[in-house]
Amino acid sequence: MKAKIHPALVALIIPLAAVAVGGLIVLFGGRSGSSAETFSYDRYIKAPGQLTGNEYSLRAEIDLLLSEADGGRVVSVKCLDGDFGEKLAVFVPNGVGDAIYTGQRYEMSVKIGPKGRVVVNKMKKF
């Protein structure tokens, strides 16, 4: 005599298995950090206005607080990716990165604003 699996048990196992597989895909198959393209200092310097509206990931080290600006701060950062050591001014709005000190390293999500202004959307220490 064959053993039958109760239909309610099957109805419970299928969604649990789907959630477990999805969780494993996210845990082991996902990228760490931002999925945005890496910021290119060279492309930015050549034509900052053409990059308006684009979003990038930028790994950088805080170099110097340049000024307090209306709604945030302007900070000089050193690029840590392909354009290693190049300095760039970025605008950090209030509420994004409360305590910023020279020498700290961040993975930033940035957006190129009007007139080539680099605006930090998110930043996380690494």
PDB file of N, CA and C in Angstrom:
ATOM      1  N   MET A   1       0.829  -1.168   0.000  1.00  0.00           N
ATOM      2  CA  MET A   1       0.000   0.000   0.000  1.00  0.00           C
ATOM      3  C   MET A   1       0.883   1.244   0.000  1.00  0.00           C
ATOM      4  N   LYS A   2       0.584   2.179  -0.895  1.00  0.00           N
ATOM      5  CA  LYS A   2       1.338   3.412  -1.017  1.00  0.00           C
ATOM      6  C   LYS A   2       0.899   4.405   0.037  1.00  0.00           C
ATOM      7  N   ALA A   3       1.874   5.136   0.550  1.00  0.00           N
ATOM      8  CA  ALA A   3       1.547   6.179   1.518  1.00  0.00           C
ATOM      9  C   ALA A   3       1.147   7.430   0.761  1.00  0.00           C
ATOM     10  N   LYS A   4       0.052   8.064   1.176  1.00  0.00           N
ATOM     11  CA  LYS A   4      -0.422   9.288   0.551  1.00  0.00           C
ATOM     12  C   LYS A   4       0.023  10.484   1.385  1.00  0.00           C
ATOM     13  N   ILE A   5       0.395  11.554   0.670  1.00  0.00           N
ATOM     14  CA  ILE A   5       0.743  12.795   1.354  1.00  0.00           C
ATOM     15  C   ILE A   5      -0.517  13.641   1.405  1.00  0.00           C
ATOM     16  N   HIS A   6      -0.792  14.133   2.565  1.00  0.00           N
ATOM     17  CA  HIS A   6      -1.993  14.934   2.767  1.00  0.00           C
ATOM     18  C   HIS A   6      -1.889  16.232   1.943  1.00  0.00           C
ATOM     19  N   PRO A   7      -2.944  16.630   1.219  1.00  0.00           N
ATOM     20  CA  PRO A   7      -2.905  17.844   0.379  1.00  0.00           C
ATOM     21  C   PRO A   7      -2.569  19.121   1.160  1.00  0.00           C
ATOM     22  N   ALA A   8      -3.003  19.205   2.405  1.00  0.00           N
ATOM     23  CA  ALA A   8      -2.707  20.395   3.206  1.00  0.00           C
ATOM     24  C   ALA A   8      -1.203  20.496   3.480  1.00  0.00           C
ATOM     25  N   LEU A   9      -0.552  19.351   3.645  1.00  0.00           N
ATOM     26  CA  LEU A   9       0.883  19.339   3.865  1.00  0.00           C
ATOM     27  C   LEU A   9       1.627  19.800   2.613  1.00  0.00           C
ATOM     28  N   VAL A  10       1.182  19.379   1.461  1.00  0.00           N
ATOM     29  CA  VAL A  10       1.780  19.813   0.195  1.00  0.00           C
ATOM     30  C   VAL A  10       1.587  21.320   0.025  1.00  0.00           C
ATOM     31  N   ALA A  11       0.405  21.813   0.348  1.00  0.00           N
ATOM     32  CA  ALA A  11       0.116  23.244   0.227  1.00  0.00           C
ATOM     33  C   ALA A  11       0.984  24.073   1.170  1.00  0.00           C
ATOM     34  N   LEU A  12       1.439  23.508   2.233  1.00  0.00           N
ATOM     35  CA  LEU A  12       2.304  24.200   3.179  1.00  0.00           C
ATOM     36  C   LEU A  12       3.777  24.108   2.757  1.00  0.00           C
ATOM     37  N   ILE A  13       4.194  22.981   2.242  1.00  0.00           N
ATOM     38  CA  ILE A  13       5.595  22.760   1.880  1.00  0.00           C
ATOM     39  C   ILE A  13       6.024  23.605   0.677  1.00  0.00           C
ATOM     40  N   ILE A  14       5.180  23.715  -0.339  1.00  0.00           N
ATOM     41  CA  ILE A  14       5.548  24.436  -1.569  1.00  0.00           C
ATOM     42  C   ILE A  14       5.889  25.909  -1.295  1.00  0.00           C
ATOM     43  N   PRO A  15       5.036  26.698  -0.594  1.00  0.00           N
ATOM     44  CA  PRO A  15       5.425  28.092  -0.339  1.00  0.00           C
ATOM     45  C   PRO A  15       6.656  28.221   0.558  1.00  0.00           C
ATOM     46  N   LEU A  16       6.805  27.317   1.544  1.00  0.00           N
ATOM     47  CA  LEU A  16       7.977  27.362   2.404  1.00  0.00           C
ATOM     48  C   LEU A  16       9.259  27.091   1.615  1.00  0.00           C
ATOM     49  N   ALA A  17       9.195  26.150   0.701  1.00  0.00           N
ATOM     50  CA  ALA A  17      10.356  25.854  -0.132  1.00  0.00           C
ATOM     51  C   ALA A  17      10.682  27.047  -1.037  1.00  0.00           C
ATOM     52  N   ALA A  18       9.661  27.693  -1.587  1.00  0.00           N
ATOM     53  CA  ALA A  18       9.888  28.858  -2.447  1.00  0.00           C
ATOM     54  C   ALA A  18      10.530  29.996  -1.674  1.00  0.00           C
ATOM     55  N   VAL A  19      10.079  30.242  -0.458  1.00  0.00           N
ATOM     56  CA  VAL A  19      10.668  31.291   0.378  1.00  0.00           C
ATOM     57  C   VAL A  19      12.116  30.949   0.726  1.00  0.00           C
ATOM     58  N   ALA A  20      12.378  29.695   1.044  1.00  0.00           N
ATOM     59  CA  ALA A  20      13.739  29.280   1.388  1.00  0.00           C
ATOM     60  C   ALA A  20      14.680  29.438   0.195  1.00  0.00           C
ATOM     61  N   VAL A  21      14.256  29.032  -0.981  1.00  0.00           N
ATOM     62  CA  VAL A  21      15.083  29.167  -2.185  1.00  0.00           C
ATOM     63  C   VAL A  21      15.312  30.644  -2.501  1.00  0.00           C
ATOM     64  N   GLY A  22      14.274  31.458  -2.408  1.00  0.00           N
ATOM     65  CA  GLY A  22      14.416  32.896  -2.655  1.00  0.00           C
ATOM     66  C   GLY A  22      15.380  33.537  -1.676  1.00  0.00           C
ATOM     67  N   GLY A  23      15.286  33.159  -0.417  1.00  0.00           N
ATOM     68  CA  GLY A  23      16.194  33.688   0.592  1.00  0.00           C
ATOM     69  C   GLY A  23      17.639  33.307   0.325  1.00  0.00           C
ATOM     70  N   LEU A  24      17.871  32.084  -0.110  1.00  0.00           N
ATOM     71  CA  LEU A  24      19.231  31.654  -0.431  1.00  0.00           C
ATOM     72  C   LEU A  24      19.791  32.397  -1.639  1.00  0.00           C
ATOM     73  N   ILE A  25      18.941  32.663  -2.622  1.00  0.00           N
ATOM     74  CA  ILE A  25      19.377  33.424  -3.801  1.00  0.00           C
ATOM     75  C   ILE A  25      19.781  34.831  -3.394  1.00  0.00           C
ATOM     76  N   VAL A  26      18.976  35.469  -2.580  1.00  0.00           N
ATOM     77  CA  VAL A  26      19.296  36.825  -2.123  1.00  0.00           C
ATOM     78  C   VAL A  26      20.556  36.816  -1.267  1.00  0.00           C
ATOM     79  N   LEU A  27      20.672  35.851  -0.387  1.00  0.00           N
ATOM     80  CA  LEU A  27      21.805  35.787   0.537  1.00  0.00           C
ATOM     81  C   LEU A  27      23.123  35.495  -0.175  1.00  0.00           C
ATOM     82  N   PHE A  28      23.135  34.533  -1.070  1.00  0.00           N
ATOM     83  CA  PHE A  28      24.383  34.112  -1.696  1.00  0.00           C
ATOM     84  C   PHE A  28      24.566  34.600  -3.124  1.00  0.00           C
ATOM     85  N   GLY A  29      23.496  34.928  -3.801  1.00  0.00           N
ATOM     86  CA  GLY A  29      23.606  35.299  -5.209  1.00  0.00           C
ATOM     87  C   GLY A  29      23.570  36.780  -5.459  1.00  0.00           C
ATOM     88  N   GLY A  30      23.143  37.563  -4.483  1.00  0.00           N
ATOM     89  CA  GLY A  30      23.039  39.003  -4.686  1.00  0.00           C
ATOM     90  C   GLY A  30      24.385  39.684  -4.590  1.00  0.00           C
ATOM     91  N   ARG A  31      24.448  40.870  -5.151  1.00  0.00           N
ATOM     92  CA  ARG A  31      25.663  41.677  -5.064  1.00  0.00           C
ATOM     93  C   ARG A  31      25.689  42.392  -3.738  1.00  0.00           C
ATOM     94  N   SER A  32      26.887  42.627  -3.260  1.00  0.00           N
ATOM     95  CA  SER A  32      26.989  43.459  -2.073  1.00  0.00           C
ATOM     96  C   SER A  32      27.125  44.892  -2.543  1.00  0.00           C
ATOM     97  N   GLY A  33      26.467  45.817  -1.874  1.00  0.00           N
ATOM     98  CA  GLY A  33      26.556  47.218  -2.244  1.00  0.00           C
ATOM     99  C   GLY A  33      25.608  47.573  -3.364  1.00  0.00           C
ATOM    100  N   SER A  34      25.905  48.672  -3.965  1.00  0.00           N
ATOM    101  CA  SER A  34      25.039  49.240  -4.982  1.00  0.00           C
ATOM    102  C   SER A  34      25.206  48.522  -6.304  1.00  0.00           C
ATOM    103  N   SER A  35      24.131  48.445  -7.082  1.00  0.00           N
ATOM    104  CA  SER A  35      24.209  47.848  -8.410  1.00  0.00           C
ATOM    105  C   SER A  35      24.453  48.917  -9.456  1.00  0.00           C
ATOM    106  N   ALA A  36      24.646  50.155  -9.033  1.00  0.00           N
ATOM    107  CA  ALA A  36      24.905  51.241  -9.964  1.00  0.00           C
ATOM    108  C   ALA A  36      26.312  51.123 -10.541  1.00  0.00           C
ATOM    109  N   GLU A  37      26.492  51.746 -11.691  1.00  0.00           N
ATOM    110  CA  GLU A  37      27.796  51.792 -12.348  1.00  0.00           C
ATOM    111  C   GLU A  37      28.791  52.542 -11.454  1.00  0.00           C
ATOM    112  N   THR A  38      30.045  52.153 -11.515  1.00  0.00           N
ATOM    113  CA  THR A  38      31.087  52.809 -10.735  1.00  0.00           C
ATOM    114  C   THR A  38      31.377  54.190 -11.319  1.00  0.00           C
ATOM    115  N   PHE A  39      31.512  55.169 -10.443  1.00  0.00           N
ATOM    116  CA  PHE A  39      31.799  56.543 -10.841  1.00  0.00           C
ATOM    117  C   PHE A  39      33.149  56.600 -11.546  1.00  0.00           C
ATOM    118  N   SER A  40      33.207  57.327 -12.667  1.00  0.00           N
ATOM    119  CA  SER A  40      34.453  57.507 -13.397  1.00  0.00           C
ATOM    120  C   SER A  40      34.856  58.980 -13.337  1.00  0.00           C
ATOM    121  N   TYR A  41      35.936  59.251 -12.647  1.00  0.00           N
ATOM    122  CA  TYR A  41      36.443  60.618 -12.505  1.00  0.00           C
ATOM    123  C   TYR A  41      36.784  61.199 -13.881  1.00  0.00           C
ATOM    124  N   ASP A  42      37.442  60.419 -14.723  1.00  0.00           N
ATOM    125  CA  ASP A  42      37.838  60.905 -16.051  1.00  0.00           C
ATOM    126  C   ASP A  42      36.631  61.322 -16.886  1.00  0.00           C
ATOM    127  N   ARG A  43      35.592  60.496 -16.922  1.00  0.00           N
ATOM    128  CA  ARG A  43      34.381  60.854 -17.676  1.00  0.00           C
ATOM    129  C   ARG A  43      33.724  62.096 -17.092  1.00  0.00           C
ATOM    130  N   TYR A  44      33.735  62.196 -15.774  1.00  0.00           N
ATOM    131  CA  TYR A  44      33.118  63.340 -15.112  1.00  0.00           C
ATOM    132  C   TYR A  44      33.863  64.633 -15.449  1.00  0.00           C
ATOM    133  N   ILE A  45      35.176  64.619 -15.395  1.00  0.00           N
ATOM    134  CA  ILE A  45      35.975  65.813 -15.663  1.00  0.00           C
ATOM    135  C   ILE A  45      35.813  66.261 -17.120  1.00  0.00           C
ATOM    136  N   LYS A  46      35.715  65.312 -18.044  1.00  0.00           N
ATOM    137  CA  LYS A  46      35.590  65.659 -19.470  1.00  0.00           C
ATOM    138  C   LYS A  46      34.262  66.322 -19.792  1.00  0.00           C
ATOM    139  N   ALA A  47      33.172  65.864 -19.186  1.00  0.00           N
ATOM    140  CA  ALA A  47      31.851  66.399 -19.527  1.00  0.00           C
ATOM    141  C   ALA A  47      30.857  66.199 -18.391  1.00  0.00           C
ATOM    142  N   PRO A  48      30.981  66.965 -17.295  1.00  0.00           N
ATOM    143  CA  PRO A  48      30.084  66.765 -16.150  1.00  0.00           C
ATOM    144  C   PRO A  48      28.615  67.016 -16.480  1.00  0.00           C
ATOM    145  N   GLY A  49      28.340  67.980 -17.346  1.00  0.00           N
ATOM    146  CA  GLY A  49      26.955  68.288 -17.699  1.00  0.00           C
ATOM    147  C   GLY A  49      26.263  67.172 -18.447  1.00  0.00           C
ATOM    148  N   GLN A  50      27.023  66.382 -19.188  1.00  0.00           N
ATOM    149  CA  GLN A  50      26.430  65.273 -19.944  1.00  0.00           C
ATOM    150  C   GLN A  50      26.028  64.105 -19.051  1.00  0.00           C
ATOM    151  N   LEU A  51      26.515  64.084 -17.834  1.00  0.00           N
ATOM    152  CA  LEU A  51      26.195  62.994 -16.905  1.00  0.00           C
ATOM    153  C   LEU A  51      25.015  63.327 -15.994  1.00  0.00           C
ATOM    154  N   THR A  52      24.429  64.513 -16.158  1.00  0.00           N
ATOM    155  CA  THR A  52      23.325  64.948 -15.304  1.00  0.00           C
ATOM    156  C   THR A  52      22.222  63.894 -15.254  1.00  0.00           C
ATOM    157  N   GLY A  53      21.803  63.563 -14.035  1.00  0.00           N
ATOM    158  CA  GLY A  53      20.733  62.582 -13.824  1.00  0.00           C
ATOM    159  C   GLY A  53      21.226  61.167 -13.638  1.00  0.00           C
ATOM    160  N   ASN A  54      22.470  60.885 -13.960  1.00  0.00           N
ATOM    161  CA  ASN A  54      23.013  59.535 -13.809  1.00  0.00           C
ATOM    162  C   ASN A  54      23.356  59.252 -12.352  1.00  0.00           C
ATOM    163  N   GLU A  55      23.236  57.982 -11.964  1.00  0.00           N
ATOM    164  CA  GLU A  55      23.582  57.558 -10.611  1.00  0.00           C
ATOM    165  C   GLU A  55      24.753  56.599 -10.664  1.00  0.00           C
ATOM    166  N   TYR A  56      25.649  56.740  -9.693  1.00  0.00           N
ATOM    167  CA  TYR A  56      26.860  55.935  -9.650  1.00  0.00           C
ATOM    168  C   TYR A  56      27.150  55.487  -8.224  1.00  0.00           C
ATOM    169  N   SER A  57      27.997  54.456  -8.109  1.00  0.00           N
ATOM    170  CA  SER A  57      28.541  54.105  -6.798  1.00  0.00           C
ATOM    171  C   SER A  57      29.958  54.676  -6.769  1.00  0.00           C
ATOM    172  N   LEU A  58      30.344  55.183  -5.624  1.00  0.00           N
ATOM    173  CA  LEU A  58      31.645  55.827  -5.470  1.00  0.00           C
ATOM    174  C   LEU A  58      32.245  55.395  -4.141  1.00  0.00           C
ATOM    175  N   ARG A  59      33.410  54.760  -4.200  1.00  0.00           N
ATOM    176  CA  ARG A  59      34.153  54.413  -2.990  1.00  0.00           C
ATOM    177  C   ARG A  59      35.152  55.534  -2.784  1.00  0.00           C
ATOM    178  N   ALA A  60      35.084  56.177  -1.613  1.00  0.00           N
ATOM    179  CA  ALA A  60      35.902  57.366  -1.402  1.00  0.00           C
ATOM    180  C   ALA A  60      36.327  57.515   0.049  1.00  0.00           C
ATOM    181  N   GLU A  61      37.396  58.282   0.237  1.00  0.00           N
ATOM    182  CA  GLU A  61      37.893  58.632   1.560  1.00  0.00           C
ATOM    183  C   GLU A  61      37.689  60.132   1.753  1.00  0.00           C
ATOM    184  N   ILE A  62      37.168  60.520   2.909  1.00  0.00           N
ATOM    185  CA  ILE A  62      36.940  61.936   3.199  1.00  0.00           C
ATOM    186  C   ILE A  62      38.295  62.638   3.298  1.00  0.00           C
ATOM    187  N   ASP A  63      38.453  63.697   2.521  1.00  0.00           N
ATOM    188  CA  ASP A  63      39.701  64.442   2.498  1.00  0.00           C
ATOM    189  C   ASP A  63      39.604  65.709   3.338  1.00  0.00           C
ATOM    190  N   LEU A  64      38.533  66.498   3.131  1.00  0.00           N
ATOM    191  CA  LEU A  64      38.462  67.797   3.779  1.00  0.00           C
ATOM    192  C   LEU A  64      37.037  68.337   3.699  1.00  0.00           C
ATOM    193  N   LEU A  65      36.574  68.965   4.778  1.00  0.00           N
ATOM    194  CA  LEU A  65      35.292  69.671   4.749  1.00  0.00           C
ATOM    195  C   LEU A  65      35.556  71.014   4.081  1.00  0.00           C
ATOM    196  N   LEU A  66      34.943  71.256   2.928  1.00  0.00           N
ATOM    197  CA  LEU A  66      35.188  72.492   2.182  1.00  0.00           C
ATOM    198  C   LEU A  66      34.315  73.633   2.662  1.00  0.00           C
ATOM    199  N   SER A  67      33.018  73.348   2.891  1.00  0.00           N
ATOM    200  CA  SER A  67      32.135  74.413   3.367  1.00  0.00           C
ATOM    201  C   SER A  67      30.814  73.851   3.859  1.00  0.00           C
ATOM    202  N   GLU A  68      30.187  74.638   4.716  1.00  0.00           N
ATOM    203  CA  GLU A  68      28.811  74.359   5.112  1.00  0.00           C
ATOM    204  C   GLU A  68      27.957  75.059   4.050  1.00  0.00           C
ATOM    205  N   ALA A  69      27.033  74.354   3.480  1.00  0.00           N
ATOM    206  CA  ALA A  69      26.183  74.924   2.441  1.00  0.00           C
ATOM    207  C   ALA A  69      24.737  74.838   2.883  1.00  0.00           C
ATOM    208  N   ASP A  70      23.881  75.586   2.225  1.00  0.00           N
ATOM    209  CA  ASP A  70      22.463  75.565   2.546  1.00  0.00           C
ATOM    210  C   ASP A  70      21.921  74.153   2.323  1.00  0.00           C
ATOM    211  N   GLY A  71      21.541  73.479   3.394  1.00  0.00           N
ATOM    212  CA  GLY A  71      20.972  72.133   3.294  1.00  0.00           C
ATOM    213  C   GLY A  71      21.986  71.013   3.376  1.00  0.00           C
ATOM    214  N   GLY A  72      23.254  71.319   3.647  1.00  0.00           N
ATOM    215  CA  GLY A  72      24.240  70.255   3.745  1.00  0.00           C
ATOM    216  C   GLY A  72      25.659  70.777   3.806  1.00  0.00           C
ATOM    217  N   ARG A  73      26.601  69.923   3.378  1.00  0.00           N
ATOM    218  CA  ARG A  73      28.024  70.258   3.401  1.00  0.00           C
ATOM    219  C   ARG A  73      28.659  69.902   2.069  1.00  0.00           C
ATOM    220  N   VAL A  74      29.676  70.641   1.698  1.00  0.00           N
ATOM    221  CA  VAL A  74      30.484  70.309   0.538  1.00  0.00           C
ATOM    222  C   VAL A  74      31.781  69.733   1.072  1.00  0.00           C
ATOM    223  N   VAL A  75      32.093  68.500   0.626  1.00  0.00           N
ATOM    224  CA  VAL A  75      33.228  67.759   1.152  1.00  0.00           C
ATOM    225  C   VAL A  75      34.136  67.335   0.000  1.00  0.00           C
ATOM    226  N   SER A  76      35.436  67.429   0.207  1.00  0.00           N
ATOM    227  CA  SER A  76      36.405  66.903  -0.754  1.00  0.00           C
ATOM    228  C   SER A  76      36.643  65.441  -0.402  1.00  0.00           C
ATOM    229  N   VAL A  77      36.606  64.579  -1.422  1.00  0.00           N
ATOM    230  CA  VAL A  77      36.867  63.155  -1.215  1.00  0.00           C
ATOM    231  C   VAL A  77      37.944  62.688  -2.187  1.00  0.00           C
ATOM    232  N   LYS A  78      38.660  61.634  -1.793  1.00  0.00           N
ATOM    233  CA  LYS A  78      39.638  60.983  -2.668  1.00  0.00           C
ATOM    234  C   LYS A  78      38.978  59.725  -3.222  1.00  0.00           C
ATOM    235  N   CYS A  79      38.982  59.569  -4.529  1.00  0.00           N
ATOM    236  CA  CYS A  79      38.417  58.377  -5.155  1.00  0.00           C
ATOM    237  C   CYS A  79      39.290  57.167  -4.834  1.00  0.00           C
ATOM    238  N   LEU A  80      38.661  56.044  -4.514  1.00  0.00           N
ATOM    239  CA  LEU A  80      39.395  54.829  -4.158  1.00  0.00           C
ATOM    240  C   LEU A  80      39.233  53.719  -5.184  1.00  0.00           C
ATOM    241  N   ASP A  81      38.511  53.975  -6.261  1.00  0.00           N
ATOM    242  CA  ASP A  81      38.327  52.951  -7.294  1.00  0.00           C
ATOM    243  C   ASP A  81      39.351  53.141  -8.412  1.00  0.00           C
ATOM    244  N   GLY A  82      38.932  53.050  -9.642  1.00  0.00           N
ATOM    245  CA  GLY A  82      39.830  53.128 -10.784  1.00  0.00           C
ATOM    246  C   GLY A  82      40.624  54.411 -10.874  1.00  0.00           C
ATOM    247  N   ASP A  83      40.065  55.507 -10.412  1.00  0.00           N
ATOM    248  CA  ASP A  83      40.745  56.799 -10.485  1.00  0.00           C
ATOM    249  C   ASP A  83      41.358  57.102  -9.124  1.00  0.00           C
ATOM    250  N   PHE A  84      42.110  56.172  -8.610  1.00  0.00           N
ATOM    251  CA  PHE A  84      42.635  56.209  -7.249  1.00  0.00           C
ATOM    252  C   PHE A  84      43.378  57.505  -6.954  1.00  0.00           C
ATOM    253  N   GLY A  85      42.962  58.165  -5.874  1.00  0.00           N
ATOM    254  CA  GLY A  85      43.652  59.353  -5.400  1.00  0.00           C
ATOM    255  C   GLY A  85      43.146  60.661  -5.957  1.00  0.00           C
ATOM    256  N   GLU A  86      42.345  60.630  -7.018  1.00  0.00           N
ATOM    257  CA  GLU A  86      41.814  61.875  -7.575  1.00  0.00           C
ATOM    258  C   GLU A  86      40.843  62.477  -6.577  1.00  0.00           C
ATOM    259  N   LYS A  87      40.884  63.796  -6.428  1.00  0.00           N
ATOM    260  CA  LYS A  87      40.006  64.474  -5.478  1.00  0.00           C
ATOM    261  C   LYS A  87      38.807  65.062  -6.189  1.00  0.00           C
ATOM    262  N   LEU A  88      37.682  65.060  -5.472  1.00  0.00           N
ATOM    263  CA  LEU A  88      36.409  65.471  -6.028  1.00  0.00           C
ATOM    264  C   LEU A  88      35.584  66.128  -4.936  1.00  0.00           C
ATOM    265  N   ALA A  89      34.880  67.188  -5.267  1.00  0.00           N
ATOM    266  CA  ALA A  89      33.973  67.825  -4.306  1.00  0.00           C
ATOM    267  C   ALA A  89      32.588  67.211  -4.454  1.00  0.00           C
ATOM    268  N   VAL A  90      31.994  66.786  -3.332  1.00  0.00           N
ATOM    269  CA  VAL A  90      30.647  66.231  -3.345  1.00  0.00           C
ATOM    270  C   VAL A  90      29.786  66.989  -2.340  1.00  0.00           C
ATOM    271  N   PHE A  91      28.492  67.037  -2.613  1.00  0.00           N
ATOM    272  CA  PHE A  91      27.541  67.669  -1.699  1.00  0.00           C
ATOM    273  C   PHE A  91      26.867  66.581  -0.895  1.00  0.00           C
ATOM    274  N   VAL A  92      26.946  66.694   0.427  1.00  0.00           N
ATOM    275  CA  VAL A  92      26.322  65.732   1.337  1.00  0.00           C
ATOM    276  C   VAL A  92      25.150  66.448   2.018  1.00  0.00           C
ATOM    277  N   PRO A  93      23.903  66.120   1.621  1.00  0.00           N
ATOM    278  CA  PRO A  93      22.748  66.776   2.242  1.00  0.00           C
ATOM    279  C   PRO A  93      22.644  66.459   3.734  1.00  0.00           C
ATOM    280  N   ASN A  94      22.018  67.355   4.478  1.00  0.00           N
ATOM    281  CA  ASN A  94      21.761  67.102   5.896  1.00  0.00           C
ATOM    282  C   ASN A  94      20.999  65.795   6.041  1.00  0.00           C
ATOM    283  N   GLY A  95      21.353  64.996   7.030  1.00  0.00           N
ATOM    284  CA  GLY A  95      20.682  63.723   7.274  1.00  0.00           C
ATOM    285  C   GLY A  95      21.338  62.547   6.567  1.00  0.00           C
ATOM    286  N   VAL A  96      22.269  62.814   5.661  1.00  0.00           N
ATOM    287  CA  VAL A  96      23.011  61.743   4.983  1.00  0.00           C
ATOM    288  C   VAL A  96      24.438  61.793   5.513  1.00  0.00           C
ATOM    289  N   GLY A  97      24.792  60.902   6.375  1.00  0.00           N
ATOM    290  CA  GLY A  97      26.143  60.908   6.938  1.00  0.00           C
ATOM    291  C   GLY A  97      26.311  62.005   7.964  1.00  0.00           C
ATOM    292  N   ASP A  98      25.785  61.783   9.145  1.00  0.00           N
ATOM    293  CA  ASP A  98      25.776  62.812  10.183  1.00  0.00           C
ATOM    294  C   ASP A  98      27.162  63.234  10.644  1.00  0.00           C
ATOM    295  N   ALA A  99      27.991  62.313  11.057  1.00  0.00           N
ATOM    296  CA  ALA A  99      29.322  62.651  11.570  1.00  0.00           C
ATOM    297  C   ALA A  99      30.360  62.220  10.540  1.00  0.00           C
ATOM    298  N   ILE A 100      30.889  63.170   9.799  1.00  0.00           N
ATOM    299  CA  ILE A 100      31.870  62.884   8.754  1.00  0.00           C
ATOM    300  C   ILE A 100      33.208  63.463   9.187  1.00  0.00           C
ATOM    301  N   TYR A 101      34.236  62.614   9.201  1.00  0.00           N
ATOM    302  CA  TYR A 101      35.561  63.042   9.625  1.00  0.00           C
ATOM    303  C   TYR A 101      36.601  62.679   8.571  1.00  0.00           C
ATOM    304  N   THR A 102      37.655  63.478   8.511  1.00  0.00           N
ATOM    305  CA  THR A 102      38.763  63.234   7.590  1.00  0.00           C
ATOM    306  C   THR A 102      39.312  61.830   7.795  1.00  0.00           C
ATOM    307  N   GLY A 103      39.568  61.146   6.687  1.00  0.00           N
ATOM    308  CA  GLY A 103      40.148  59.811   6.735  1.00  0.00           C
ATOM    309  C   GLY A 103      39.144  58.679   6.731  1.00  0.00           C
ATOM    310  N   GLN A 104      37.875  58.964   7.000  1.00  0.00           N
ATOM    311  CA  GLN A 104      36.865  57.904   6.970  1.00  0.00           C
ATOM    312  C   GLN A 104      36.620  57.482   5.523  1.00  0.00           C
ATOM    313  N   ARG A 105      36.335  56.205   5.343  1.00  0.00           N
ATOM    314  CA  ARG A 105      36.083  55.664   3.998  1.00  0.00           C
ATOM    315  C   ARG A 105      34.622  55.253   3.884  1.00  0.00           C
ATOM    316  N   TYR A 106      34.045  55.585   2.743  1.00  0.00           N
ATOM    317  CA  TYR A 106      32.625  55.326   2.511  1.00  0.00           C
ATOM    318  C   TYR A 106      32.384  54.733   1.131  1.00  0.00           C
ATOM    319  N   GLU A 107      31.360  53.928   1.063  1.00  0.00           N
ATOM    320  CA  GLU A 107      30.790  53.534  -0.221  1.00  0.00           C
ATOM    321  C   GLU A 107      29.568  54.422  -0.372  1.00  0.00           C
ATOM    322  N   MET A 108      29.565  55.241  -1.411  1.00  0.00           N
ATOM    323  CA  MET A 108      28.509  56.230  -1.598  1.00  0.00           C
ATOM    324  C   MET A 108      27.684  55.923  -2.839  1.00  0.00           C
ATOM    325  N   SER A 109      26.434  56.264  -2.743  1.00  0.00           N
ATOM    326  CA  SER A 109      25.558  56.278  -3.903  1.00  0.00           C
ATOM    327  C   SER A 109      25.394  57.747  -4.255  1.00  0.00           C
ATOM    328  N   VAL A 110      25.845  58.137  -5.455  1.00  0.00           N
ATOM    329  CA  VAL A 110      25.807  59.544  -5.843  1.00  0.00           C
ATOM    330  C   VAL A 110      24.995  59.732  -7.110  1.00  0.00           C
ATOM    331  N   LYS A 111      24.468  60.938  -7.253  1.00  0.00           N
ATOM    332  CA  LYS A 111      23.727  61.306  -8.452  1.00  0.00           C
ATOM    333  C   LYS A 111      24.307  62.618  -8.966  1.00  0.00           C
ATOM    334  N   ILE A 112      24.474  62.712 -10.261  1.00  0.00           N
ATOM    335  CA  ILE A 112      24.990  63.934 -10.861  1.00  0.00           C
ATOM    336  C   ILE A 112      23.811  64.876 -11.070  1.00  0.00           C
ATOM    337  N   GLY A 113      23.845  65.999 -10.388  1.00  0.00           N
ATOM    338  CA  GLY A 113      22.768  66.972 -10.441  1.00  0.00           C
ATOM    339  C   GLY A 113      23.000  68.023 -11.513  1.00  0.00           C
ATOM    340  N   PRO A 114      22.173  69.062 -11.501  1.00  0.00           N
ATOM    341  CA  PRO A 114      22.321  70.144 -12.475  1.00  0.00           C
ATOM    342  C   PRO A 114      23.713  70.775 -12.402  1.00  0.00           C
ATOM    343  N   LYS A 115      24.220  71.158 -13.535  1.00  0.00           N
ATOM    344  CA  LYS A 115      25.539  71.792 -13.663  1.00  0.00           C
ATOM    345  C   LYS A 115      26.674  70.904 -13.158  1.00  0.00           C
ATOM    346  N   GLY A 116      26.469  69.582 -13.149  1.00  0.00           N
ATOM    347  CA  GLY A 116      27.528  68.649 -12.776  1.00  0.00           C
ATOM    348  C   GLY A 116      27.749  68.461 -11.293  1.00  0.00           C
ATOM    349  N   ARG A 117      26.858  68.964 -10.466  1.00  0.00           N
ATOM    350  CA  ARG A 117      26.995  68.835  -9.009  1.00  0.00           C
ATOM    351  C   ARG A 117      26.839  67.371  -8.606  1.00  0.00           C
ATOM    352  N   VAL A 118      27.799  66.855  -7.841  1.00  0.00           N
ATOM    353  CA  VAL A 118      27.758  65.462  -7.370  1.00  0.00           C
ATOM    354  C   VAL A 118      27.078  65.462  -6.004  1.00  0.00           C
ATOM    355  N   VAL A 119      25.920  64.809  -5.927  1.00  0.00           N
ATOM    356  CA  VAL A 119      25.111  64.795  -4.700  1.00  0.00           C
ATOM    357  C   VAL A 119      25.083  63.377  -4.132  1.00  0.00           C
ATOM    358  N   VAL A 120      25.408  63.237  -2.853  1.00  0.00           N
ATOM    359  CA  VAL A 120      25.413  61.939  -2.192  1.00  0.00           C
ATOM    360  C   VAL A 120      23.995  61.589  -1.759  1.00  0.00           C
ATOM    361  N   ASN A 121      23.498  60.429  -2.196  1.00  0.00           N
ATOM    362  CA  ASN A 121      22.178  59.953  -1.789  1.00  0.00           C
ATOM    363  C   ASN A 121      22.260  59.106  -0.531  1.00  0.00           C
ATOM    364  N   LYS A 122      23.269  58.218  -0.499  1.00  0.00           N
ATOM    365  CA  LYS A 122      23.489  57.316   0.641  1.00  0.00           C
ATOM    366  C   LYS A 122      24.974  57.147   0.818  1.00  0.00           C
ATOM    367  N   MET A 123      25.376  56.882   2.044  1.00  0.00           N
ATOM    368  CA  MET A 123      26.782  56.574   2.290  1.00  0.00           C
ATOM    369  C   MET A 123      26.894  55.587   3.443  1.00  0.00           C
ATOM    370  N   LYS A 124      27.814  54.636   3.287  1.00  0.00           N
ATOM    371  CA  LYS A 124      28.007  53.608   4.291  1.00  0.00           C
ATOM    372  C   LYS A 124      29.506  53.412   4.493  1.00  0.00           C
ATOM    373  N   LYS A 125      29.933  53.415   5.754  1.00  0.00           N
ATOM    374  CA  LYS A 125      31.354  53.221   6.059  1.00  0.00           C
ATOM    375  C   LYS A 125      31.791  51.824   5.668  1.00  0.00           C
ATOM    376  N   PHE A 126      33.046  51.722   5.269  1.00  0.00           N
ATOM    377  CA  PHE A 126      33.645  50.397   5.053  1.00  0.00           C
ATOM    378  C   PHE A 126      35.047  50.365   5.602  1.00  0.00           C
TER     379      PHE A 126
END
